[in-house]
Amino acid sequence: MKIDLNADLGEGCGSDRELLQLVSSANIACGFHAGDAQTMLQSVRWALEYGVAIGAHPSFPDRENFGRSAMQLPSETVYAQVLYQIGALKAITESEGGKLTHVKPHGMLYNQAARDAGLADAIARAVKAIDAGLLLVGLAGSESIRAARHYGLQTREEVFADRGYQTDGSLVPRGQPGAMIEEEKQAISRTLEMVQHGTVASVTGERVALRAQTVCLHGDGPHALAFARRLRDAFAAQQILVSSVA
């Protein structure tokens, strides 16, 4: 069994280089919620050094709130902003001799697109316009995945090691009870269940079916590096290979 393990990087945290030695895919911030040209370049260089798949991590224009503010923007505005961000990282990656492999929206852009078909459409159109060979990463079973498939894009359905789920398969919004899984053993056991069995317990205790093709490991937490190492150990114990190649 294989699983992709991804982390959001280039966001100003101090452990990016170490995390890149533990994950198989990196989603690099493109400047709208975090990061800048120099950070993007350094992140790309490290990802290439460790053989990690490079992806763009576009966001709403919201540096003040780390891309976590809800926004209602016209579809063409979102389309242009996503084009701009992907294009910037693609250019930097190719200038270093690398290849951009995927796109994963960040924060509220990701969460809104998971349930808003119009927003998901704008993102998928932008990805296809840049490169129809790019993978679009989205919440398992979401509108983002449906929009990507509509445009003939390859998809990668994502689950979260440290987030709570609602009964419809969506994430519990940050700030609500059960949004974050704080206990490490619980987060690891839930992740193994999602990867091996395609189910997870919702906040109400019901089993939710989902497809796990990539696991997100948040790189901005104080214990991210230690948790990444323990998750890798758990995968190894279960003979689950961590790889960005499907």
Protein backbone atom coordinates (compact mmCIF):
# COMPACT_ATOMS: atom_id res chain seq x y z
CA MET A 1 0.00 0.00 0.00
CA LYS A 2 1.15 3.53 -0.82
CA ILE A 3 0.17 6.94 0.51
CA ASP A 4 1.29 10.45 -0.36
CA LEU A 5 2.22 12.56 2.67
CA ASN A 6 2.06 16.30 2.03
CA ALA A 7 2.90 19.41 4.02
CA ASP A 8 2.18 23.10 3.49
CA LEU A 9 5.53 24.88 3.43
CA GLY A 10 7.13 28.25 2.75
CA GLU A 11 4.86 29.81 5.35
CA GLY A 12 7.55 31.17 7.66
CA CYS A 13 7.94 28.18 9.95
CA GLY A 14 11.40 27.12 11.03
CA SER A 15 11.22 23.40 10.29
CA ASP A 16 10.60 23.34 6.53
CA ARG A 17 13.90 21.74 5.60
CA GLU A 18 13.50 18.99 8.18
CA LEU A 19 9.88 18.32 7.15
CA LEU A 20 10.95 17.99 3.53
CA GLN A 21 12.97 14.94 4.55
CA LEU A 22 9.81 13.25 5.87
CA VAL A 23 7.08 14.09 3.33
CA SER A 24 6.64 13.11 -0.32
CA SER A 25 4.87 16.28 -1.53
CA ALA A 26 5.28 19.94 -0.65
CA ASN A 27 2.63 22.63 -1.14
CA ILE A 28 4.54 25.92 -1.33
CA ALA A 29 2.88 29.20 -0.35
CA CYS A 30 2.73 31.63 -3.27
CA GLY A 31 2.69 34.97 -1.48
CA PHE A 32 -1.02 35.68 -0.99
CA HIS A 33 -1.28 34.29 2.56
CA ALA A 34 2.40 33.74 3.35
CA GLY A 35 5.79 33.55 1.71
CA ASP A 36 7.50 35.68 -0.90
CA ALA A 37 9.72 35.21 -3.94
CA GLN A 38 12.83 34.37 -1.92
CA THR A 39 10.99 31.91 0.33
CA MET A 40 9.45 30.23 -2.71
CA LEU A 41 12.86 29.86 -4.34
CA GLN A 42 14.45 28.42 -1.19
CA SER A 43 11.54 26.01 -0.68
CA VAL A 44 11.83 24.79 -4.27
CA ARG A 45 15.57 24.26 -3.91
CA TRP A 46 15.11 22.21 -0.74
CA ALA A 47 12.28 20.17 -2.29
CA LEU A 48 14.48 19.35 -5.27
CA GLU A 49 17.35 18.44 -2.94
CA TYR A 50 15.21 15.85 -1.15
CA GLY A 51 13.26 14.58 -4.17
CA VAL A 52 9.90 15.89 -2.98
CA ALA A 53 7.05 16.63 -5.43
CA ILE A 54 6.50 20.39 -5.75
CA GLY A 55 3.03 21.92 -5.68
CA ALA A 56 1.58 25.43 -5.63
CA HIS A 57 -0.41 26.49 -2.56
CA PRO A 58 -2.56 29.44 -3.73
CA SER A 59 -4.76 31.39 -1.36
CA PHE A 60 -7.22 34.22 -1.06
CA PRO A 61 -5.32 37.56 -0.78
CA ASP A 62 -5.31 37.55 3.02
CA ARG A 63 -1.88 37.84 4.64
CA GLU A 64 -3.39 39.52 7.70
CA ASN A 65 -5.34 36.39 8.66
CA PHE A 66 -3.10 33.71 7.07
CA GLY A 67 -5.65 33.02 4.35
CA ARG A 68 -8.30 31.94 6.83
CA SER A 69 -10.88 34.71 6.22
CA ALA A 70 -14.00 33.88 4.23
CA MET A 71 -14.25 35.91 1.01
CA GLN A 72 -16.91 36.24 -1.66
CA LEU A 73 -15.03 37.20 -4.83
CA PRO A 74 -16.15 37.09 -8.48
CA SER A 75 -15.19 33.86 -10.24
CA GLU A 76 -12.97 35.70 -12.72
CA THR A 77 -11.10 37.39 -9.87
CA VAL A 78 -10.39 34.03 -8.25
CA TYR A 79 -9.43 32.58 -11.63
CA ALA A 80 -6.90 35.39 -12.23
CA GLN A 81 -5.48 35.22 -8.71
CA VAL A 82 -4.98 31.46 -8.87
CA LEU A 83 -3.38 31.74 -12.33
CA TYR A 84 -1.00 34.38 -10.99
CA GLN A 85 0.09 32.32 -8.00
CA ILE A 86 0.54 29.02 -9.82
CA GLY A 87 2.38 30.75 -12.63
CA ALA A 88 4.85 32.35 -10.24
CA LEU A 89 5.78 29.09 -8.54
CA LYS A 90 5.88 27.22 -11.84
CA ALA A 91 8.38 29.73 -13.22
CA ILE A 92 10.59 29.50 -10.13
CA THR A 93 10.45 25.69 -10.14
CA GLU A 94 11.34 25.43 -13.81
CA SER A 95 14.17 27.97 -13.45
CA GLU A 96 15.76 25.49 -10.99
CA GLY A 97 15.34 22.57 -13.37
CA GLY A 98 12.30 21.16 -11.57
CA LYS A 99 8.71 20.45 -12.56
CA LEU A 100 5.53 21.60 -10.87
CA THR A 101 3.37 18.53 -10.19
CA HIS A 102 0.25 19.68 -8.35
CA VAL A 103 -1.88 22.47 -6.95
CA LYS A 104 -3.50 22.51 -3.51
CA PRO A 105 -5.49 25.60 -2.47
CA HIS A 106 -4.87 26.95 1.01
CA GLY A 107 -7.04 27.65 4.02
CA MET A 108 -10.40 29.27 3.40
CA LEU A 109 -10.01 29.11 -0.38
CA TYR A 110 -9.68 25.33 0.00
CA ASN A 111 -12.57 25.02 2.44
CA GLN A 112 -14.99 27.22 0.51
CA ALA A 113 -14.17 25.48 -2.77
CA ALA A 114 -14.88 22.13 -1.12
CA ARG A 115 -18.59 23.06 -0.97
CA ASP A 116 -18.94 25.95 -3.50
CA ALA A 117 -19.18 24.58 -7.04
CA GLY A 118 -18.60 27.98 -8.66
CA LEU A 119 -15.43 28.63 -6.71
CA ALA A 120 -14.20 25.09 -7.35
CA ASP A 121 -14.83 25.64 -11.06
CA ALA A 122 -12.73 28.82 -11.12
CA ILE A 123 -9.80 27.06 -9.45
CA ALA A 124 -9.98 24.01 -11.71
CA ARG A 125 -10.15 26.21 -14.82
CA ALA A 126 -7.04 28.07 -13.71
CA VAL A 127 -5.13 24.85 -13.07
CA LYS A 128 -6.06 23.51 -16.50
CA ALA A 129 -5.13 26.79 -18.18
CA ILE A 130 -1.64 26.66 -16.68
CA ASP A 131 -1.00 22.96 -17.32
CA ALA A 132 -3.63 20.26 -17.90
CA GLY A 133 -1.11 17.71 -16.56
CA LEU A 134 -1.16 19.16 -13.04
CA LEU A 135 -2.86 17.23 -10.24
CA LEU A 136 -5.49 19.12 -8.27
CA VAL A 137 -5.51 18.22 -4.57
CA GLY A 138 -8.82 18.67 -2.76
CA LEU A 139 -10.84 17.45 0.19
CA ALA A 140 -11.97 13.87 -0.38
CA GLY A 141 -15.41 13.76 -1.99
CA SER A 142 -15.68 17.54 -2.36
CA GLU A 143 -16.81 19.97 -5.06
CA SER A 144 -13.12 20.65 -5.74
CA ILE A 145 -12.63 17.04 -6.83
CA ARG A 146 -15.80 17.09 -8.94
CA ALA A 147 -14.77 20.31 -10.71
CA ALA A 148 -11.30 18.97 -11.45
CA ARG A 149 -12.73 15.83 -13.00
CA HIS A 150 -15.14 17.93 -15.08
CA TYR A 151 -12.11 19.60 -16.69
CA GLY A 152 -10.30 16.31 -17.18
CA LEU A 153 -7.70 16.97 -14.50
CA GLN A 154 -6.12 14.25 -12.44
CA THR A 155 -7.06 14.51 -8.79
CA ARG A 156 -5.68 13.54 -5.42
CA GLU A 157 -8.23 13.23 -2.64
CA GLU A 158 -6.93 14.50 0.67
CA VAL A 159 -7.51 13.63 4.32
CA PHE A 160 -6.19 15.39 7.41
CA ALA A 161 -4.27 13.75 10.21
CA ASP A 162 -5.16 16.36 12.82
CA ARG A 163 -8.62 17.64 11.88
CA GLY A 164 -12.09 16.63 12.96
CA TYR A 165 -14.73 15.59 10.41
CA GLN A 166 -18.44 16.30 10.16
CA THR A 167 -20.93 13.66 9.06
CA ASP A 168 -20.97 14.96 5.47
CA GLY A 169 -17.20 14.48 5.14
CA SER A 170 -16.37 18.17 5.54
CA LEU A 171 -13.91 19.44 8.14
CA VAL A 172 -15.11 20.85 11.44
CA PRO A 173 -14.47 24.62 11.12
CA ARG A 174 -11.52 25.91 13.11
CA GLY A 175 -12.59 27.36 16.43
CA GLN A 176 -15.44 24.89 16.89
CA PRO A 177 -15.25 21.97 19.34
CA GLY A 178 -13.58 18.95 17.77
CA ALA A 179 -11.94 20.91 14.96
CA MET A 180 -8.42 19.88 15.92
CA ILE A 181 -7.22 16.46 17.05
CA GLU A 182 -4.73 17.38 19.75
CA GLU A 183 -3.87 13.92 21.08
CA GLU A 184 -1.09 12.41 19.00
CA LYS A 185 -2.00 8.73 19.34
CA GLN A 186 -5.58 9.47 18.35
CA ALA A 187 -4.45 11.45 15.29
CA ILE A 188 -2.20 8.60 14.17
CA SER A 189 -4.83 5.89 14.69
CA ARG A 190 -7.42 7.96 12.79
CA THR A 191 -4.97 8.50 9.95
CA LEU A 192 -4.25 4.78 9.69
CA GLU A 193 -7.99 4.06 9.63
CA MET A 194 -8.54 6.56 6.79
CA VAL A 195 -5.63 5.22 4.75
CA GLN A 196 -6.26 1.50 5.32
CA HIS A 197 -10.05 1.36 5.56
CA GLY A 198 -11.39 4.56 3.98
CA THR A 199 -13.42 5.58 7.01
CA VAL A 200 -13.17 8.02 9.91
CA ALA A 201 -15.27 8.78 12.98
CA SER A 202 -17.15 12.09 12.74
CA VAL A 203 -17.53 14.45 15.72
CA THR A 204 -20.89 12.80 16.40
CA GLY A 205 -19.36 9.32 16.36
CA GLU A 206 -20.76 8.17 13.01
CA ARG A 207 -18.44 6.50 10.50
CA VAL A 208 -17.80 8.59 7.41
CA ALA A 209 -16.57 7.00 4.17
CA LEU A 210 -13.81 8.84 2.31
CA ARG A 211 -11.04 8.16 -0.15
CA ALA A 212 -7.54 8.81 1.18
CA GLN A 213 -4.91 9.37 -1.52
CA THR A 214 -2.83 11.94 0.32
CA VAL A 215 -2.51 12.88 3.99
CA CYS A 216 -1.95 16.49 5.00
CA LEU A 217 0.55 17.13 7.74
CA HIS A 218 0.34 20.71 8.99
CA GLY A 219 3.82 22.19 9.13
CA ASP A 220 2.93 25.25 11.22
CA GLY A 221 2.28 23.55 14.57
CA PRO A 222 4.79 23.53 17.44
CA HIS A 223 5.08 19.73 17.35
CA ALA A 224 4.83 19.24 13.57
CA LEU A 225 8.26 17.73 13.13
CA ALA A 226 7.94 15.22 15.98
CA PHE A 227 4.46 14.23 14.80
CA ALA A 228 5.72 13.76 11.23
CA ARG A 229 8.40 11.37 12.44
CA ARG A 230 5.92 9.34 14.50
CA LEU A 231 3.45 9.20 11.63
CA ARG A 232 6.20 7.95 9.31
CA ASP A 233 7.09 5.30 11.90
CA ALA A 234 3.42 4.23 12.08
CA PHE A 235 3.23 3.93 8.29
CA ALA A 236 6.42 1.88 8.23
CA ALA A 237 5.10 -0.46 10.93
CA GLN A 238 2.01 -1.08 8.79
CA GLN A 239 4.14 -1.50 5.62
CA ILE A 240 2.61 1.60 4.05
CA LEU A 241 5.02 3.20 1.59
CA VAL A 242 5.15 7.00 1.55
CA SER A 243 5.37 8.13 -2.07
CA SER A 244 4.05 10.92 -4.29
CA VAL A 245 3.80 8.43 -7.17
CA ALA A 246 0.36 6.83 -7.31
